[in-house]
Amino acid sequence: MTKEEWMERLAEIEQQTLELEKIVHAKVAAERHRQLFGLRLQRERIQNRLLLVEEGARFLCGEPDVPSFMSTLKPAAGSM
């Protein structure tokens, strides 16, 4: 094998390595996105369950029906 052939082969191997690296990066990014989406979905399910428990507790304890977001609102300035 001559030096030129060796250099050509080395360039081919380098190009293949770069292509494989791009594929690996894409797969890692896709997996990371899938995992983050799964965590976000799980968090939303937990929040929904907590809201159901809160609403159930209010119903069973006989508290008046007040939407859960009302407790987070501040009274307007000058209101009683």
PDB file of N, CA and C in Angstrom:
ATOM      1  N   MET A   1       0.857  -1.165   0.000  1.00  0.00           N
ATOM      2  CA  MET A   1       0.000   0.000   0.000  1.00  0.00           C
ATOM      3  C   MET A   1       0.912   1.240   0.000  1.00  0.00           C
ATOM      4  N   THR A   2       0.614   2.128  -0.912  1.00  0.00           N
ATOM      5  CA  THR A   2       1.423   3.334  -0.992  1.00  0.00           C
ATOM      6  C   THR A   2       0.912   4.379  -0.007  1.00  0.00           C
ATOM      7  N   LYS A   3       1.705   5.415   0.125  1.00  0.00           N
ATOM      8  CA  LYS A   3       1.337   6.492   1.041  1.00  0.00           C
ATOM      9  C   LYS A   3       0.044   7.162   0.593  1.00  0.00           C
ATOM     10  N   GLU A   4      -0.153   7.376  -0.701  1.00  0.00           N
ATOM     11  CA  GLU A   4      -1.365   8.001  -1.229  1.00  0.00           C
ATOM     12  C   GLU A   4      -2.603   7.136  -0.953  1.00  0.00           C
ATOM     13  N   GLU A   5      -2.462   5.826  -1.174  1.00  0.00           N
ATOM     14  CA  GLU A   5      -3.569   4.911  -0.903  1.00  0.00           C
ATOM     15  C   GLU A   5      -3.922   4.922   0.584  1.00  0.00           C
ATOM     16  N   TRP A   6      -2.874   4.954   1.401  1.00  0.00           N
ATOM     17  CA  TRP A   6      -3.091   4.993   2.837  1.00  0.00           C
ATOM     18  C   TRP A   6      -3.816   6.279   3.239  1.00  0.00           C
ATOM     19  N   MET A   7      -3.420   7.401   2.671  1.00  0.00           N
ATOM     20  CA  MET A   7      -4.051   8.687   2.977  1.00  0.00           C
ATOM     21  C   MET A   7      -5.516   8.697   2.512  1.00  0.00           C
ATOM     22  N   GLU A   8      -5.800   8.111   1.342  1.00  0.00           N
ATOM     23  CA  GLU A   8      -7.180   8.011   0.853  1.00  0.00           C
ATOM     24  C   GLU A   8      -8.017   7.156   1.791  1.00  0.00           C
ATOM     25  N   ARG A   9      -7.452   6.041   2.185  1.00  0.00           N
ATOM     26  CA  ARG A   9      -8.166   5.141   3.105  1.00  0.00           C
ATOM     27  C   ARG A   9      -8.415   5.836   4.447  1.00  0.00           C
ATOM     28  N   LEU A  10      -7.436   6.567   4.928  1.00  0.00           N
ATOM     29  CA  LEU A  10      -7.570   7.292   6.181  1.00  0.00           C
ATOM     30  C   LEU A  10      -8.669   8.358   6.074  1.00  0.00           C
ATOM     31  N   ALA A  11      -8.741   9.051   4.941  1.00  0.00           N
ATOM     32  CA  ALA A  11      -9.789  10.057   4.728  1.00  0.00           C
ATOM     33  C   ALA A  11     -11.171   9.395   4.701  1.00  0.00           C
ATOM     34  N   GLU A  12     -11.286   8.225   4.079  1.00  0.00           N
ATOM     35  CA  GLU A  12     -12.556   7.487   4.050  1.00  0.00           C
ATOM     36  C   GLU A  12     -12.983   7.096   5.466  1.00  0.00           C
ATOM     37  N   ILE A  13     -12.045   6.584   6.229  1.00  0.00           N
ATOM     38  CA  ILE A  13     -12.344   6.168   7.608  1.00  0.00           C
ATOM     39  C   ILE A  13     -12.769   7.374   8.434  1.00  0.00           C
ATOM     40  N   GLU A  14     -12.091   8.498   8.250  1.00  0.00           N
ATOM     41  CA  GLU A  14     -12.454   9.706   8.986  1.00  0.00           C
ATOM     42  C   GLU A  14     -13.861  10.163   8.621  1.00  0.00           C
ATOM     43  N   GLN A  15     -14.208  10.119   7.335  1.00  0.00           N
ATOM     44  CA  GLN A  15     -15.551  10.515   6.889  1.00  0.00           C
ATOM     45  C   GLN A  15     -16.612   9.578   7.481  1.00  0.00           C
ATOM     46  N   GLN A  16     -16.346   8.283   7.466  1.00  0.00           N
ATOM     47  CA  GLN A  16     -17.282   7.325   8.048  1.00  0.00           C
ATOM     48  C   GLN A  16     -17.453   7.571   9.544  1.00  0.00           C
ATOM     49  N   THR A  17     -16.361   7.890  10.219  1.00  0.00           N
ATOM     50  CA  THR A  17     -16.411   8.168  11.649  1.00  0.00           C
ATOM     51  C   THR A  17     -17.268   9.395  11.930  1.00  0.00           C
ATOM     52  N   LEU A  18     -17.098  10.445  11.127  1.00  0.00           N
ATOM     53  CA  LEU A  18     -17.912  11.653  11.299  1.00  0.00           C
ATOM     54  C   LEU A  18     -19.398  11.368  11.075  1.00  0.00           C
ATOM     55  N   GLU A  19     -19.706  10.558  10.069  1.00  0.00           N
ATOM     56  CA  GLU A  19     -21.102  10.196   9.806  1.00  0.00           C
ATOM     57  C   GLU A  19     -21.692   9.392  10.965  1.00  0.00           C
ATOM     58  N   LEU A  20     -20.920   8.449  11.488  1.00  0.00           N
ATOM     59  CA  LEU A  20     -21.386   7.668  12.634  1.00  0.00           C
ATOM     60  C   LEU A  20     -21.588   8.550  13.856  1.00  0.00           C
ATOM     61  N   GLU A  21     -20.693   9.514  14.056  1.00  0.00           N
ATOM     62  CA  GLU A  21     -20.814  10.431  15.183  1.00  0.00           C
ATOM     63  C   GLU A  21     -22.099  11.251  15.073  1.00  0.00           C
ATOM     64  N   LYS A  22     -22.438  11.701  13.867  1.00  0.00           N
ATOM     65  CA  LYS A  22     -23.687  12.445  13.664  1.00  0.00           C
ATOM     66  C   LYS A  22     -24.898  11.583  13.977  1.00  0.00           C
ATOM     67  N   ILE A  23     -24.857  10.326  13.560  1.00  0.00           N
ATOM     68  CA  ILE A  23     -25.966   9.404  13.828  1.00  0.00           C
ATOM     69  C   ILE A  23     -26.125   9.186  15.331  1.00  0.00           C
ATOM     70  N   VAL A  24     -24.998   8.993  16.026  1.00  0.00           N
ATOM     71  CA  VAL A  24     -25.040   8.780  17.468  1.00  0.00           C
ATOM     72  C   VAL A  24     -25.601  10.016  18.164  1.00  0.00           C
ATOM     73  N   HIS A  25     -25.155  11.206  17.764  1.00  0.00           N
ATOM     74  CA  HIS A  25     -25.668  12.440  18.367  1.00  0.00           C
ATOM     75  C   HIS A  25     -27.171  12.564  18.159  1.00  0.00           C
ATOM     76  N   ALA A  26     -27.636  12.244  16.959  1.00  0.00           N
ATOM     77  CA  ALA A  26     -29.066  12.330  16.670  1.00  0.00           C
ATOM     78  C   ALA A  26     -29.857  11.340  17.532  1.00  0.00           C
ATOM     79  N   LYS A  27     -29.346  10.124  17.677  1.00  0.00           N
ATOM     80  CA  LYS A  27     -30.041   9.123  18.481  1.00  0.00           C
ATOM     81  C   LYS A  27     -30.055   9.498  19.958  1.00  0.00           C
ATOM     82  N   VAL A  28     -28.941  10.049  20.446  1.00  0.00           N
ATOM     83  CA  VAL A  28     -28.877  10.474  21.848  1.00  0.00           C
ATOM     84  C   VAL A  28     -29.856  11.615  22.087  1.00  0.00           C
ATOM     85  N   ALA A  29     -29.907  12.566  21.156  1.00  0.00           N
ATOM     86  CA  ALA A  29     -30.837  13.688  21.296  1.00  0.00           C
ATOM     87  C   ALA A  29     -32.279  13.207  21.269  1.00  0.00           C
ATOM     88  N   ALA A  30     -32.590  12.264  20.393  1.00  0.00           N
ATOM     89  CA  ALA A  30     -33.946  11.729  20.326  1.00  0.00           C
ATOM     90  C   ALA A  30     -34.317  10.999  21.616  1.00  0.00           C
ATOM     91  N   GLU A  31     -33.389  10.235  22.157  1.00  0.00           N
ATOM     92  CA  GLU A  31     -33.644   9.514  23.407  1.00  0.00           C
ATOM     93  C   GLU A  31     -33.833  10.494  24.563  1.00  0.00           C
ATOM     94  N   ARG A  32     -33.009  11.531  24.615  1.00  0.00           N
ATOM     95  CA  ARG A  32     -33.131  12.533  25.660  1.00  0.00           C
ATOM     96  C   ARG A  32     -34.491  13.233  25.561  1.00  0.00           C
ATOM     97  N   HIS A  33     -34.900  13.553  24.347  1.00  0.00           N
ATOM     98  CA  HIS A  33     -36.206  14.190  24.144  1.00  0.00           C
ATOM     99  C   HIS A  33     -37.330  13.257  24.614  1.00  0.00           C
ATOM    100  N   ARG A  34     -37.213  11.967  24.289  1.00  0.00           N
ATOM    101  CA  ARG A  34     -38.225  10.995  24.689  1.00  0.00           C
ATOM    102  C   ARG A  34     -38.304  10.895  26.209  1.00  0.00           C
ATOM    103  N   GLN A  35     -37.153  10.872  26.859  1.00  0.00           N
ATOM    104  CA  GLN A  35     -37.132  10.776  28.322  1.00  0.00           C
ATOM    105  C   GLN A  35     -37.720  12.023  28.971  1.00  0.00           C
ATOM    106  N   LEU A  36     -37.367  13.201  28.453  1.00  0.00           N
ATOM    107  CA  LEU A  36     -37.907  14.442  29.005  1.00  0.00           C
ATOM    108  C   LEU A  36     -39.412  14.516  28.805  1.00  0.00           C
ATOM    109  N   PHE A  37     -39.884  14.075  27.641  1.00  0.00           N
ATOM    110  CA  PHE A  37     -41.318  14.066  27.393  1.00  0.00           C
ATOM    111  C   PHE A  37     -42.018  13.128  28.365  1.00  0.00           C
ATOM    112  N   GLY A  38     -41.408  11.972  28.622  1.00  0.00           N
ATOM    113  CA  GLY A  38     -41.979  11.021  29.573  1.00  0.00           C
ATOM    114  C   GLY A  38     -42.053  11.600  30.976  1.00  0.00           C
ATOM    115  N   LEU A  39     -41.011  12.308  31.386  1.00  0.00           N
ATOM    116  CA  LEU A  39     -41.020  12.934  32.706  1.00  0.00           C
ATOM    117  C   LEU A  39     -42.071  14.028  32.789  1.00  0.00           C
ATOM    118  N   ARG A  40     -42.209  14.810  31.726  1.00  0.00           N
ATOM    119  CA  ARG A  40     -43.211  15.880  31.705  1.00  0.00           C
ATOM    120  C   ARG A  40     -44.615  15.282  31.785  1.00  0.00           C
ATOM    121  N   LEU A  41     -44.829  14.202  31.060  1.00  0.00           N
ATOM    122  CA  LEU A  41     -46.128  13.540  31.085  1.00  0.00           C
ATOM    123  C   LEU A  41     -46.421  12.978  32.468  1.00  0.00           C
ATOM    124  N   GLN A  42     -45.430  12.369  33.099  1.00  0.00           N
ATOM    125  CA  GLN A  42     -45.600  11.817  34.444  1.00  0.00           C
ATOM    126  C   GLN A  42     -45.909  12.931  35.441  1.00  0.00           C
ATOM    127  N   ARG A  43     -45.221  14.072  35.320  1.00  0.00           N
ATOM    128  CA  ARG A  43     -45.471  15.200  36.216  1.00  0.00           C
ATOM    129  C   ARG A  43     -46.908  15.705  36.062  1.00  0.00           C
ATOM    130  N   GLU A  44     -47.387  15.796  34.821  1.00  0.00           N
ATOM    131  CA  GLU A  44     -48.752  16.246  34.605  1.00  0.00           C
ATOM    132  C   GLU A  44     -49.764  15.262  35.199  1.00  0.00           C
ATOM    133  N   ARG A  45     -49.489  13.983  35.083  1.00  0.00           N
ATOM    134  CA  ARG A  45     -50.392  12.981  35.669  1.00  0.00           C
ATOM    135  C   ARG A  45     -50.441  13.117  37.189  1.00  0.00           C
ATOM    136  N   ILE A  46     -49.289  13.326  37.794  1.00  0.00           N
ATOM    137  CA  ILE A  46     -49.242  13.487  39.248  1.00  0.00           C
ATOM    138  C   ILE A  46     -49.995  14.740  39.666  1.00  0.00           C
ATOM    139  N   GLN A  47     -49.796  15.838  38.928  1.00  0.00           N
ATOM    140  CA  GLN A  47     -50.510  17.073  39.250  1.00  0.00           C
ATOM    141  C   GLN A  47     -52.018  16.879  39.115  1.00  0.00           C
ATOM    142  N   ASN A  48     -52.451  16.167  38.071  1.00  0.00           N
ATOM    143  CA  ASN A  48     -53.879  15.911  37.896  1.00  0.00           C
ATOM    144  C   ASN A  48     -54.433  15.066  39.035  1.00  0.00           C
ATOM    145  N   ARG A  49     -53.660  14.076  39.478  1.00  0.00           N
ATOM    146  CA  ARG A  49     -54.116  13.248  40.605  1.00  0.00           C
ATOM    147  C   ARG A  49     -54.246  14.083  41.870  1.00  0.00           C
ATOM    148  N   LEU A  50     -53.272  14.963  42.103  1.00  0.00           N
ATOM    149  CA  LEU A  50     -53.331  15.825  43.287  1.00  0.00           C
ATOM    150  C   LEU A  50     -54.554  16.737  43.235  1.00  0.00           C
ATOM    151  N   LEU A  51     -54.845  17.278  42.056  1.00  0.00           N
ATOM    152  CA  LEU A  51     -56.034  18.120  41.921  1.00  0.00           C
ATOM    153  C   LEU A  51     -57.308  17.329  42.204  1.00  0.00           C
ATOM    154  N   LEU A  52     -57.357  16.085  41.724  1.00  0.00           N
ATOM    155  CA  LEU A  52     -58.525  15.242  41.997  1.00  0.00           C
ATOM    156  C   LEU A  52     -58.660  14.959  43.492  1.00  0.00           C
ATOM    157  N   VAL A  53     -57.544  14.709  44.156  1.00  0.00           N
ATOM    158  CA  VAL A  53     -57.582  14.455  45.599  1.00  0.00           C
ATOM    159  C   VAL A  53     -58.070  15.697  46.332  1.00  0.00           C
ATOM    160  N   GLU A  54     -57.566  16.872  45.939  1.00  0.00           N
ATOM    161  CA  GLU A  54     -58.000  18.112  46.578  1.00  0.00           C
ATOM    162  C   GLU A  54     -59.490  18.343  46.377  1.00  0.00           C
ATOM    163  N   GLU A  55     -59.960  18.134  45.153  1.00  0.00           N
ATOM    164  CA  GLU A  55     -61.386  18.325  44.877  1.00  0.00           C
ATOM    165  C   GLU A  55     -62.226  17.307  45.638  1.00  0.00           C
ATOM    166  N   GLY A  56     -61.744  16.068  45.713  1.00  0.00           N
ATOM    167  CA  GLY A  56     -62.460  15.042  46.469  1.00  0.00           C
ATOM    168  C   GLY A  56     -62.523  15.386  47.949  1.00  0.00           C
ATOM    169  N   ALA A  57     -61.434  15.904  48.494  1.00  0.00           N
ATOM    170  CA  ALA A  57     -61.416  16.285  49.904  1.00  0.00           C
ATOM    171  C   ALA A  57     -62.392  17.418  50.159  1.00  0.00           C
ATOM    172  N   ARG A  58     -62.422  18.392  49.256  1.00  0.00           N
ATOM    173  CA  ARG A  58     -63.371  19.497  49.423  1.00  0.00           C
ATOM    174  C   ARG A  58     -64.812  18.991  49.352  1.00  0.00           C
ATOM    175  N   PHE A  59     -65.058  18.064  48.451  1.00  0.00           N
ATOM    176  CA  PHE A  59     -66.407  17.518  48.304  1.00  0.00           C
ATOM    177  C   PHE A  59     -66.817  16.739  49.549  1.00  0.00           C
ATOM    178  N   LEU A  60     -65.920  15.884  50.042  1.00  0.00           N
ATOM    179  CA  LEU A  60     -66.243  15.048  51.194  1.00  0.00           C
ATOM    180  C   LEU A  60     -66.346  15.851  52.486  1.00  0.00           C
ATOM    181  N   CYS A  61     -65.577  16.917  52.583  1.00  0.00           N
ATOM    182  CA  CYS A  61     -65.594  17.726  53.800  1.00  0.00           C
ATOM    183  C   CYS A  61     -66.689  18.786  53.772  1.00  0.00           C
ATOM    184  N   GLY A  62     -67.394  18.881  52.685  1.00  0.00           N
ATOM    185  CA  GLY A  62     -68.505  19.809  52.604  1.00  0.00           C
ATOM    186  C   GLY A  62     -68.101  21.262  52.414  1.00  0.00           C
ATOM    187  N   GLU A  63     -66.886  21.505  51.969  1.00  0.00           N
ATOM    188  CA  GLU A  63     -66.474  22.876  51.719  1.00  0.00           C
ATOM    189  C   GLU A  63     -67.201  23.397  50.477  1.00  0.00           C
ATOM    190  N   PRO A  64     -67.418  24.687  50.406  1.00  0.00           N
ATOM    191  CA  PRO A  64     -68.096  25.243  49.244  1.00  0.00           C
ATOM    192  C   PRO A  64     -67.280  25.036  47.975  1.00  0.00           C
ATOM    193  N   ASP A  65     -67.989  24.953  46.864  1.00  0.00           N
ATOM    194  CA  ASP A  65     -67.315  24.758  45.585  1.00  0.00           C
ATOM    195  C   ASP A  65     -66.621  26.042  45.166  1.00  0.00           C
ATOM    196  N   VAL A  66     -65.322  26.061  45.340  1.00  0.00           N
ATOM    197  CA  VAL A  66     -64.513  27.191  44.916  1.00  0.00           C
ATOM    198  C   VAL A  66     -63.436  26.614  43.998  1.00  0.00           C
ATOM    199  N   PRO A  67     -63.321  27.131  42.785  1.00  0.00           N
ATOM    200  CA  PRO A  67     -62.279  26.601  41.899  1.00  0.00           C
ATOM    201  C   PRO A  67     -60.906  26.712  42.561  1.00  0.00           C
ATOM    202  N   SER A  68     -60.061  25.744  42.321  1.00  0.00           N
ATOM    203  CA  SER A  68     -58.763  25.687  42.996  1.00  0.00           C
ATOM    204  C   SER A  68     -57.882  26.878  42.648  1.00  0.00           C
ATOM    205  N   PHE A  69     -58.082  27.480  41.487  1.00  0.00           N
ATOM    206  CA  PHE A  69     -57.243  28.610  41.121  1.00  0.00           C
ATOM    207  C   PHE A  69     -57.619  29.875  41.893  1.00  0.00           C
ATOM    208  N   MET A  70     -58.781  29.904  42.517  1.00  0.00           N
ATOM    209  CA  MET A  70     -59.215  31.090  43.250  1.00  0.00           C
ATOM    210  C   MET A  70     -58.328  31.372  44.454  1.00  0.00           C
ATOM    211  N   SER A  71     -57.766  30.342  45.033  1.00  0.00           N
ATOM    212  CA  SER A  71     -56.925  30.562  46.218  1.00  0.00           C
ATOM    213  C   SER A  71     -55.597  31.216  45.825  1.00  0.00           C
ATOM    214  N   THR A  72     -55.220  31.154  44.577  1.00  0.00           N
ATOM    215  CA  THR A  72     -53.959  31.746  44.137  1.00  0.00           C
ATOM    216  C   THR A  72     -54.141  33.203  43.719  1.00  0.00           C
ATOM    217  N   LEU A  73     -55.388  33.668  43.585  1.00  0.00           N
ATOM    218  CA  LEU A  73     -55.622  35.044  43.152  1.00  0.00           C
ATOM    219  C   LEU A  73     -55.520  35.995  44.337  1.00  0.00           C
ATOM    220  N   LYS A  74     -54.972  37.157  44.085  1.00  0.00           N
ATOM    221  CA  LYS A  74     -54.882  38.187  45.115  1.00  0.00           C
ATOM    222  C   LYS A  74     -56.070  39.124  44.963  1.00  0.00           C
ATOM    223  N   PRO A  75     -56.608  39.644  46.065  1.00  0.00           N
ATOM    224  CA  PRO A  75     -57.719  40.583  45.933  1.00  0.00           C
ATOM    225  C   PRO A  75     -57.256  41.877  45.269  1.00  0.00           C
ATOM    226  N   ALA A  76     -58.164  42.477  44.518  1.00  0.00           N
ATOM    227  CA  ALA A  76     -57.823  43.724  43.829  1.00  0.00           C
ATOM    228  C   ALA A  76     -57.619  44.830  44.842  1.00  0.00           C
ATOM    229  N   ALA A  77     -56.830  45.816  44.488  1.00  0.00           N
ATOM    230  CA  ALA A  77     -56.581  46.950  45.377  1.00  0.00           C
ATOM    231  C   ALA A  77     -57.876  47.681  45.662  1.00  0.00           C
ATOM    232  N   GLY A  78     -58.151  47.955  46.915  1.00  0.00           N
ATOM    233  CA  GLY A  78     -59.360  48.677  47.301  1.00  0.00           C
ATOM    234  C   GLY A  78     -60.572  47.782  47.473  1.00  0.00           C
ATOM    235  N   SER A  79     -60.432  46.469  47.214  1.00  0.00           N
ATOM    236  CA  SER A  79     -61.589  45.572  47.390  1.00  0.00           C
ATOM    237  C   SER A  79     -61.697  45.162  48.841  1.00  0.00           C
ATOM    238  N   MET A  80     -62.839  44.707  49.218  1.00  0.00           N
ATOM    239  CA  MET A  80     -63.060  44.345  50.610  1.00  0.00           C
ATOM    240  C   MET A  80     -62.736  42.911  50.821  1.00  0.00           C
TER     241      MET A  80
END
